């Protein structure tokens, strides 16, 4: 990893009349994902003498914007006035990098609901000419099975970007847990049963200790997920 990457630095961000921070780099990455901050926002490293753009600190993309020199801390405070004009830029804000992987739990790991969906549809079609009443029952079984599968699938989402992995859980009240790619010490895969034979498994990511920090449970193409994370780690060495 580039030695200039601000892993342990604290950073101020200028937003209009406000000076936000100081933030550590992990906090800035979260706010970029939320859209609270943009890559073109003006910022200042703690104890630094000149301002920069967030994109320059993160080194995500080259920027042609020149640095604004500052001689001392008092001039840094005065620079807040100039930053207000930059905040009124009409160009759309740039967001963090698009995830390289976005997945959910595989529906084949819920066999009863999956069979209920398929069986309900087939039963409704097959029974319609002879028993319309049972057709309604088949449709209801299929709808309930589909609703259950959708709930189980979309209440657990998996993301991988160039710099971190993230697990998002919940339907209305969403919670998330993430780790940096470079902090991952080990990646284990568990594939069991028929689902495991077609590539569905649980991918555990370990940082410190014997318990996984983040787990992608019942994910499709588990081996490909591990391979992607290892390639990202190798690319930053």
C-alpha atoms as a PDB file:
ATOM      1  CA  UNK A   1       0.000   0.000   0.000  1.00  0.00           C
ATOM      2  CA  UNK A   2       1.161   3.562  -0.728  1.00  0.00           C
ATOM      3  CA  UNK A   3       3.031   4.944   2.248  1.00  0.00           C
ATOM      4  CA  UNK A   4       1.206   8.277   1.791  1.00  0.00           C
ATOM      5  CA  UNK A   5      -2.198   6.711   2.470  1.00  0.00           C
ATOM      6  CA  UNK A   6      -3.484   8.466   5.655  1.00  0.00           C
ATOM      7  CA  UNK A   7      -4.160   5.381   7.771  1.00  0.00           C
ATOM      8  CA  UNK A   8      -3.452   6.971  11.144  1.00  0.00           C
ATOM      9  CA  UNK A   9      -4.040  10.626  10.293  1.00  0.00           C
ATOM     10  CA  UNK A  10      -6.889  12.889  11.404  1.00  0.00           C
ATOM     11  CA  UNK A  11      -8.527  15.025   8.745  1.00  0.00           C
ATOM     12  CA  UNK A  12     -10.710  18.168   8.820  1.00  0.00           C
ATOM     13  CA  UNK A  13     -13.348  18.669   6.077  1.00  0.00           C
ATOM     14  CA  UNK A  14     -14.651  22.078   4.952  1.00  0.00           C
ATOM     15  CA  UNK A  15     -18.404  22.128   4.192  1.00  0.00           C
ATOM     16  CA  UNK A  16     -19.787  25.627   3.633  1.00  0.00           C
ATOM     17  CA  UNK A  17     -19.318  27.629   6.837  1.00  0.00           C
ATOM     18  CA  UNK A  18     -18.578  24.541   8.888  1.00  0.00           C
ATOM     19  CA  UNK A  19     -15.353  22.743   9.678  1.00  0.00           C
ATOM     20  CA  UNK A  20     -16.153  19.064  10.216  1.00  0.00           C
ATOM     21  CA  UNK A  21     -13.930  16.682  12.091  1.00  0.00           C
ATOM     22  CA  UNK A  22     -11.360  15.709  12.734  1.00  0.00           C
ATOM     23  CA  UNK A  23     -12.124  12.317  11.151  1.00  0.00           C
ATOM     24  CA  UNK A  24     -10.053   9.181  10.850  1.00  0.00           C
ATOM     25  CA  UNK A  25      -9.851   7.589   7.395  1.00  0.00           C
ATOM     26  CA  UNK A  26     -12.402   4.837   8.202  1.00  0.00           C
ATOM     27  CA  UNK A  27     -14.948   7.476   9.234  1.00  0.00           C
ATOM     28  CA  UNK A  28     -14.415   9.356   5.972  1.00  0.00           C
ATOM     29  CA  UNK A  29     -14.940   6.165   3.925  1.00  0.00           C
ATOM     30  CA  UNK A  30     -18.268   5.554   5.695  1.00  0.00           C
ATOM     31  CA  UNK A  31     -19.418   9.137   5.058  1.00  0.00           C
ATOM     32  CA  UNK A  32     -18.463   8.828   1.389  1.00  0.00           C
ATOM     33  CA  UNK A  33     -20.671   5.735   1.109  1.00  0.00           C
ATOM     34  CA  UNK A  34     -23.530   7.568   2.836  1.00  0.00           C
ATOM     35  CA  UNK A  35     -23.153  10.556   0.509  1.00  0.00           C
ATOM     36  CA  UNK A  36     -22.481  12.947   3.408  1.00  0.00           C
ATOM     37  CA  UNK A  37     -19.082  13.793   1.929  1.00  0.00           C
ATOM     38  CA  UNK A  38     -17.872  13.997  -1.677  1.00  0.00           C
ATOM     39  CA  UNK A  39     -14.497  13.275  -3.226  1.00  0.00           C
ATOM     40  CA  UNK A  40     -14.162  16.932  -4.284  1.00  0.00           C
ATOM     41  CA  UNK A  41     -14.655  18.310  -0.749  1.00  0.00           C
ATOM     42  CA  UNK A  42     -11.813  20.503   0.533  1.00  0.00           C
ATOM     43  CA  UNK A  43      -9.978  19.033   3.512  1.00  0.00           C
ATOM     44  CA  UNK A  44      -6.911  19.539   5.668  1.00  0.00           C
ATOM     45  CA  UNK A  45      -4.741  16.967   7.403  1.00  0.00           C
ATOM     46  CA  UNK A  46      -4.146  17.692  11.046  1.00  0.00           C
ATOM     47  CA  UNK A  47      -0.907  19.717  11.503  1.00  0.00           C
ATOM     48  CA  UNK A  48      -0.624  20.207   7.693  1.00  0.00           C
ATOM     49  CA  UNK A  49      -0.009  23.579   6.037  1.00  0.00           C
ATOM     50  CA  UNK A  50      -2.110  23.245   2.873  1.00  0.00           C
ATOM     51  CA  UNK A  51      -5.566  22.023   1.910  1.00  0.00           C
ATOM     52  CA  UNK A  52      -6.332  19.141  -0.428  1.00  0.00           C
ATOM     53  CA  UNK A  53      -9.266  17.347  -1.990  1.00  0.00           C
ATOM     54  CA  UNK A  54     -10.497  14.111  -0.422  1.00  0.00           C
ATOM     55  CA  UNK A  55      -9.758  12.325  -3.724  1.00  0.00           C
ATOM     56  CA  UNK A  56      -6.108  13.367  -3.436  1.00  0.00           C
ATOM     57  CA  UNK A  57      -5.808  12.069   0.120  1.00  0.00           C
ATOM     58  CA  UNK A  58      -7.480   8.740  -0.735  1.00  0.00           C
ATOM     59  CA  UNK A  59      -5.587   8.530  -4.047  1.00  0.00           C
ATOM     60  CA  UNK A  60      -8.685   7.065  -5.711  1.00  0.00           C
ATOM     61  CA  UNK A  61      -8.480   9.198  -8.844  1.00  0.00           C
ATOM     62  CA  UNK A  62      -6.154  11.826 -10.262  1.00  0.00           C
ATOM     63  CA  UNK A  63      -7.439  15.390  -9.931  1.00  0.00           C
ATOM     64  CA  UNK A  64      -6.375  18.443 -11.911  1.00  0.00           C
ATOM     65  CA  UNK A  65      -7.399  20.782  -9.079  1.00  0.00           C
ATOM     66  CA  UNK A  66      -4.384  22.580  -7.656  1.00  0.00           C
ATOM     67  CA  UNK A  67      -3.657  22.703  -3.976  1.00  0.00           C
ATOM     68  CA  UNK A  68      -4.568  25.875  -2.075  1.00  0.00           C
ATOM     69  CA  UNK A  69      -1.495  26.993  -0.103  1.00  0.00           C
ATOM     70  CA  UNK A  70      -1.915  27.939   3.522  1.00  0.00           C
ATOM     71  CA  UNK A  71       0.815  29.436   5.665  1.00  0.00           C
ATOM     72  CA  UNK A  72      -0.650  28.912   9.116  1.00  0.00           C
ATOM     73  CA  UNK A  73      -3.708  27.825  11.074  1.00  0.00           C
ATOM     74  CA  UNK A  74      -5.333  31.294  10.967  1.00  0.00           C
ATOM     75  CA  UNK A  75      -5.285  31.303   7.153  1.00  0.00           C
ATOM     76  CA  UNK A  76      -6.855  27.827   7.222  1.00  0.00           C
ATOM     77  CA  UNK A  77      -9.801  29.302   9.127  1.00  0.00           C
ATOM     78  CA  UNK A  78     -10.171  32.105   6.524  1.00  0.00           C
ATOM     79  CA  UNK A  79     -10.225  29.564   3.691  1.00  0.00           C
ATOM     80  CA  UNK A  80     -13.734  28.490   4.755  1.00  0.00           C
ATOM     81  CA  UNK A  81     -15.114  31.548   2.917  1.00  0.00           C
ATOM     82  CA  UNK A  82     -13.489  30.499  -0.367  1.00  0.00           C
ATOM     83  CA  UNK A  83     -14.742  26.943  -0.016  1.00  0.00           C
ATOM     84  CA  UNK A  84     -18.376  28.086  -0.109  1.00  0.00           C
ATOM     85  CA  UNK A  85     -18.074  28.942  -3.803  1.00  0.00           C
ATOM     86  CA  UNK A  86     -16.662  25.479  -4.528  1.00  0.00           C
ATOM     87  CA  UNK A  87     -19.577  23.846  -2.727  1.00  0.00           C
ATOM     88  CA  UNK A  88     -21.963  25.494  -5.215  1.00  0.00           C
ATOM     89  CA  UNK A  89     -20.497  23.555  -8.142  1.00  0.00           C
ATOM     90  CA  UNK A  90     -23.368  22.366 -10.351  1.00  0.00           C
ATOM     91  CA  UNK A  91     -21.615  19.169 -11.435  1.00  0.00           C
ATOM     92  CA  UNK A  92     -22.996  15.953  -9.873  1.00  0.00           C
ATOM     93  CA  UNK A  93     -21.136  14.763  -6.757  1.00  0.00           C
ATOM     94  CA  UNK A  94     -18.753  11.831  -7.164  1.00  0.00           C
ATOM     95  CA  UNK A  95     -19.399   8.849  -4.929  1.00  0.00           C
ATOM     96  CA  UNK A  96     -17.229   6.022  -3.706  1.00  0.00           C
ATOM     97  CA  UNK A  97     -16.243   3.247  -6.076  1.00  0.00           C
ATOM     98  CA  UNK A  98     -18.963   0.881  -7.280  1.00  0.00           C
ATOM     99  CA  UNK A  99     -18.911  -2.485  -5.470  1.00  0.00           C
ATOM    100  CA  UNK A 100     -16.987  -5.201  -7.272  1.00  0.00           C
ATOM    101  CA  UNK A 101     -19.366  -7.773  -5.792  1.00  0.00           C
ATOM    102  CA  UNK A 102     -22.944  -7.543  -4.488  1.00  0.00           C
ATOM    103  CA  UNK A 103     -24.673 -10.714  -3.337  1.00  0.00           C
ATOM    104  CA  UNK A 104     -27.325 -12.270  -1.116  1.00  0.00           C
ATOM    105  CA  UNK A 105     -28.108 -15.603   0.485  1.00  0.00           C
ATOM    106  CA  UNK A 106     -28.915 -18.214  -2.146  1.00  0.00           C
ATOM    107  CA  UNK A 107     -32.566 -19.319  -2.313  1.00  0.00           C
ATOM    108  CA  UNK A 108     -31.491 -22.958  -2.688  1.00  0.00           C
ATOM    109  CA  UNK A 109     -30.513 -22.924   0.992  1.00  0.00           C
ATOM    110  CA  UNK A 110     -34.232 -22.595   1.860  1.00  0.00           C
ATOM    111  CA  UNK A 111     -35.458 -25.861   0.270  1.00  0.00           C
ATOM    112  CA  UNK A 112     -38.988 -25.954   1.762  1.00  0.00           C
ATOM    113  CA  UNK A 113     -39.831 -22.437   0.598  1.00  0.00           C
ATOM    114  CA  UNK A 114     -38.216 -23.120  -2.785  1.00  0.00           C
ATOM    115  CA  UNK A 115     -40.236 -26.311  -3.233  1.00  0.00           C
ATOM    116  CA  UNK A 116     -43.370 -24.483  -2.069  1.00  0.00           C
ATOM    117  CA  UNK A 117     -42.865 -21.869  -4.778  1.00  0.00           C
ATOM    118  CA  UNK A 118     -42.287 -24.400  -7.557  1.00  0.00           C
ATOM    119  CA  UNK A 119     -44.931 -26.833  -6.313  1.00  0.00           C
ATOM    120  CA  UNK A 120     -47.534 -24.117  -5.830  1.00  0.00           C
ATOM    121  CA  UNK A 121     -47.104 -22.846  -9.391  1.00  0.00           C
ATOM    122  CA  UNK A 122     -47.158 -26.316 -10.945  1.00  0.00           C
ATOM    123  CA  UNK A 123     -50.121 -27.406  -8.795  1.00  0.00           C
ATOM    124  CA  UNK A 124     -52.130 -24.295  -9.657  1.00  0.00           C
ATOM    125  CA  UNK A 125     -51.634 -24.833 -13.389  1.00  0.00           C
ATOM    126  CA  UNK A 126     -52.252 -28.592 -13.263  1.00  0.00           C
ATOM    127  CA  UNK A 127     -55.391 -28.393 -11.081  1.00  0.00           C
ATOM    128  CA  UNK A 128     -57.020 -25.415 -12.828  1.00  0.00           C
ATOM    129  CA  UNK A 129     -59.030 -27.469 -15.407  1.00  0.00           C
ATOM    130  CA  UNK A 130     -60.414 -29.907 -12.785  1.00  0.00           C
ATOM    131  CA  UNK A 131     -60.412 -28.112  -9.393  1.00  0.00           C
ATOM    132  CA  UNK A 132     -60.300 -24.294  -9.530  1.00  0.00           C
ATOM    133  CA  UNK A 133     -60.623 -24.083  -5.745  1.00  0.00           C
ATOM    134  CA  UNK A 134     -57.335 -25.952  -5.279  1.00  0.00           C
ATOM    135  CA  UNK A 135     -55.779 -23.658  -7.869  1.00  0.00           C
ATOM    136  CA  UNK A 136     -56.300 -20.724  -5.501  1.00  0.00           C
ATOM    137  CA  UNK A 137     -54.641 -22.703  -2.712  1.00  0.00           C
ATOM    138  CA  UNK A 138     -51.658 -23.420  -4.979  1.00  0.00           C
ATOM    139  CA  UNK A 139     -51.330 -19.744  -5.876  1.00  0.00           C
ATOM    140  CA  UNK A 140     -51.411 -18.757  -2.194  1.00  0.00           C
ATOM    141  CA  UNK A 141     -48.691 -21.283  -1.340  1.00  0.00           C
ATOM    142  CA  UNK A 142     -46.529 -19.956  -4.182  1.00  0.00           C
ATOM    143  CA  UNK A 143     -47.045 -16.313  -3.123  1.00  0.00           C
ATOM    144  CA  UNK A 144     -46.232 -17.010   0.531  1.00  0.00           C
ATOM    145  CA  UNK A 145     -43.142 -19.007  -0.442  1.00  0.00           C
ATOM    146  CA  UNK A 146     -41.957 -16.211  -2.719  1.00  0.00           C
ATOM    147  CA  UNK A 147     -42.510 -13.608   0.021  1.00  0.00           C
ATOM    148  CA  UNK A 148     -40.478 -15.695   2.483  1.00  0.00           C
ATOM    149  CA  UNK A 149     -37.629 -16.231   0.020  1.00  0.00           C
ATOM    150  CA  UNK A 150     -37.525 -12.512  -0.791  1.00  0.00           C
ATOM    151  CA  UNK A 151     -37.435 -11.632   2.909  1.00  0.00           C
ATOM    152  CA  UNK A 152     -34.595 -14.067   3.627  1.00  0.00           C
ATOM    153  CA  UNK A 153     -32.674 -12.964   0.542  1.00  0.00           C
ATOM    154  CA  UNK A 154     -32.864  -9.187   0.863  1.00  0.00           C
ATOM    155  CA  UNK A 155     -32.403  -8.875   4.614  1.00  0.00           C
ATOM    156  CA  UNK A 156     -28.770  -9.944   4.247  1.00  0.00           C
ATOM    157  CA  UNK A 157     -26.612  -8.277   1.587  1.00  0.00           C
ATOM    158  CA  UNK A 158     -22.916  -8.709   0.844  1.00  0.00           C
ATOM    159  CA  UNK A 159     -20.617  -6.086  -0.712  1.00  0.00           C
ATOM    160  CA  UNK A 160     -16.969  -6.109  -1.781  1.00  0.00           C
ATOM    161  CA  UNK A 161     -15.188  -2.937  -2.940  1.00  0.00           C
ATOM    162  CA  UNK A 162     -11.537  -2.319  -3.724  1.00  0.00           C
ATOM    163  CA  UNK A 163     -10.799  -1.404  -0.109  1.00  0.00           C
ATOM    164  CA  UNK A 164     -13.222  -3.298   2.136  1.00  0.00           C
ATOM    165  CA  UNK A 165     -15.941  -5.913   2.548  1.00  0.00           C
ATOM    166  CA  UNK A 166     -19.308  -5.184   4.141  1.00  0.00           C
ATOM    167  CA  UNK A 167     -22.260  -7.134   5.522  1.00  0.00           C
ATOM    168  CA  UNK A 168     -25.624  -5.302   5.649  1.00  0.00           C
ATOM    169  CA  UNK A 169     -28.517  -6.886   7.563  1.00  0.00           C
ATOM    170  CA  UNK A 170     -32.106  -5.957   8.320  1.00  0.00           C
ATOM    171  CA  UNK A 171     -35.182  -4.945   6.345  1.00  0.00           C
ATOM    172  CA  UNK A 172     -36.242  -1.531   7.697  1.00  0.00           C
ATOM    173  CA  UNK A 173     -33.661  -0.891  10.411  1.00  0.00           C
ATOM    174  CA  UNK A 174     -30.464  -1.661   8.497  1.00  0.00           C
ATOM    175  CA  UNK A 175     -27.213  -2.557  10.259  1.00  0.00           C
ATOM    176  CA  UNK A 176     -23.788  -2.980   8.693  1.00  0.00           C
ATOM    177  CA  UNK A 177     -20.430  -4.469   9.581  1.00  0.00           C
ATOM    178  CA  UNK A 178     -17.263  -4.069   7.522  1.00  0.00           C
ATOM    179  CA  UNK A 179     -13.537  -4.748   7.525  1.00  0.00           C
ATOM    180  CA  UNK A 180     -10.720  -3.382   5.400  1.00  0.00           C
ATOM    181  CA  UNK A 181      -9.326  -5.693   2.731  1.00  0.00           C
ATOM    182  CA  UNK A 182      -5.785  -5.229   4.014  1.00  0.00           C
ATOM    183  CA  UNK A 183      -6.821  -6.138   7.579  1.00  0.00           C
ATOM    184  CA  UNK A 184      -8.084  -9.602   6.585  1.00  0.00           C
ATOM    185  CA  UNK A 185      -5.746 -12.297   7.920  1.00  0.00           C
ATOM    186  CA  UNK A 186      -7.574 -15.443   6.746  1.00  0.00           C
ATOM    187  CA  UNK A 187     -10.529 -16.422   4.549  1.00  0.00           C
ATOM    188  CA  UNK A 188     -12.277 -19.759   5.191  1.00  0.00           C
ATOM    189  CA  UNK A 189     -14.984 -21.421   3.100  1.00  0.00           C
ATOM    190  CA  UNK A 190     -17.574 -23.957   4.303  1.00  0.00           C
ATOM    191  CA  UNK A 191     -19.618 -25.806   1.642  1.00  0.00           C
ATOM    192  CA  UNK A 192     -22.066 -28.476   2.774  1.00  0.00           C
ATOM    193  CA  UNK A 193     -24.706 -30.736   1.227  1.00  0.00           C
ATOM    194  CA  UNK A 194     -26.204 -30.423  -2.230  1.00  0.00           C
ATOM    195  CA  UNK A 195     -25.957 -26.636  -2.121  1.00  0.00           C
ATOM    196  CA  UNK A 196     -22.227 -26.937  -1.553  1.00  0.00           C
ATOM    197  CA  UNK A 197     -21.899 -29.115  -4.638  1.00  0.00           C
ATOM    198  CA  UNK A 198     -23.158 -26.253  -6.837  1.00  0.00           C
ATOM    199  CA  UNK A 199     -20.892 -23.656  -5.237  1.00  0.00           C
ATOM    200  CA  UNK A 200     -23.028 -22.267  -2.405  1.00  0.00           C
ATOM    201  CA  UNK A 201     -21.190 -21.845   0.886  1.00  0.00           C
ATOM    202  CA  UNK A 202     -20.276 -19.623   3.812  1.00  0.00           C
ATOM    203  CA  UNK A 203     -17.228 -17.372   3.508  1.00  0.00           C
ATOM    204  CA  UNK A 204     -15.676 -16.300   6.838  1.00  0.00           C
ATOM    205  CA  UNK A 205     -13.280 -13.342   7.007  1.00  0.00           C
ATOM    206  CA  UNK A 206     -10.869 -13.263   9.967  1.00  0.00           C
ATOM    207  CA  UNK A 207      -8.872 -10.259  11.159  1.00  0.00           C
ATOM    208  CA  UNK A 208      -7.880 -10.867  14.789  1.00  0.00           C
ATOM    209  CA  UNK A 209      -8.688 -13.919  16.902  1.00  0.00           C
ATOM    210  CA  UNK A 210     -10.427 -17.171  16.066  1.00  0.00           C
ATOM    211  CA  UNK A 211     -13.907 -15.755  15.347  1.00  0.00           C
ATOM    212  CA  UNK A 212     -14.765 -14.327  11.914  1.00  0.00           C
ATOM    213  CA  UNK A 213     -15.207 -10.578  11.821  1.00  0.00           C
ATOM    214  CA  UNK A 214     -17.634 -10.793   8.866  1.00  0.00           C
ATOM    215  CA  UNK A 215     -19.353 -13.834   7.327  1.00  0.00           C
ATOM    216  CA  UNK A 216     -21.082 -14.176   3.971  1.00  0.00           C
ATOM    217  CA  UNK A 217     -23.411 -17.069   4.804  1.00  0.00           C
ATOM    218  CA  UNK A 218     -24.985 -19.238   2.092  1.00  0.00           C
ATOM    219  CA  UNK A 219     -23.449 -17.123  -0.663  1.00  0.00           C
ATOM    220  CA  UNK A 220     -23.383 -18.224  -4.281  1.00  0.00           C
ATOM    221  CA  UNK A 221     -19.928 -18.870  -5.826  1.00  0.00           C
ATOM    222  CA  UNK A 222     -18.127 -18.913  -2.468  1.00  0.00           C
ATOM    223  CA  UNK A 223     -14.774 -19.869  -3.988  1.00  0.00           C
ATOM    224  CA  UNK A 224     -14.941 -16.955  -6.444  1.00  0.00           C
ATOM    225  CA  UNK A 225     -15.579 -14.570  -3.528  1.00  0.00           C
ATOM    226  CA  UNK A 226     -12.442 -15.786  -1.773  1.00  0.00           C
ATOM    227  CA  UNK A 227     -10.447 -15.500  -4.997  1.00  0.00           C
ATOM    228  CA  UNK A 228     -11.637 -11.909  -5.515  1.00  0.00           C
ATOM    229  CA  UNK A 229     -10.576 -10.872  -2.002  1.00  0.00           C
ATOM    230  CA  UNK A 230      -7.139 -12.489  -2.414  1.00  0.00           C
ATOM    231  CA  UNK A 231      -6.607 -10.690  -5.733  1.00  0.00           C
ATOM    232  CA  UNK A 232      -7.494  -7.358  -4.099  1.00  0.00           C
ATOM    233  CA  UNK A 233      -5.026  -8.056  -1.295  1.00  0.00           C
ATOM    234  CA  UNK A 234      -2.272  -8.970  -3.766  1.00  0.00           C
ATOM    235  CA  UNK A 235      -2.874  -5.795  -5.768  1.00  0.00           C
ATOM    236  CA  UNK A 236      -2.165  -3.600  -2.728  1.00  0.00           C
ATOM    237  CA  UNK A 237       1.041  -5.342  -1.662  1.00  0.00           C
END
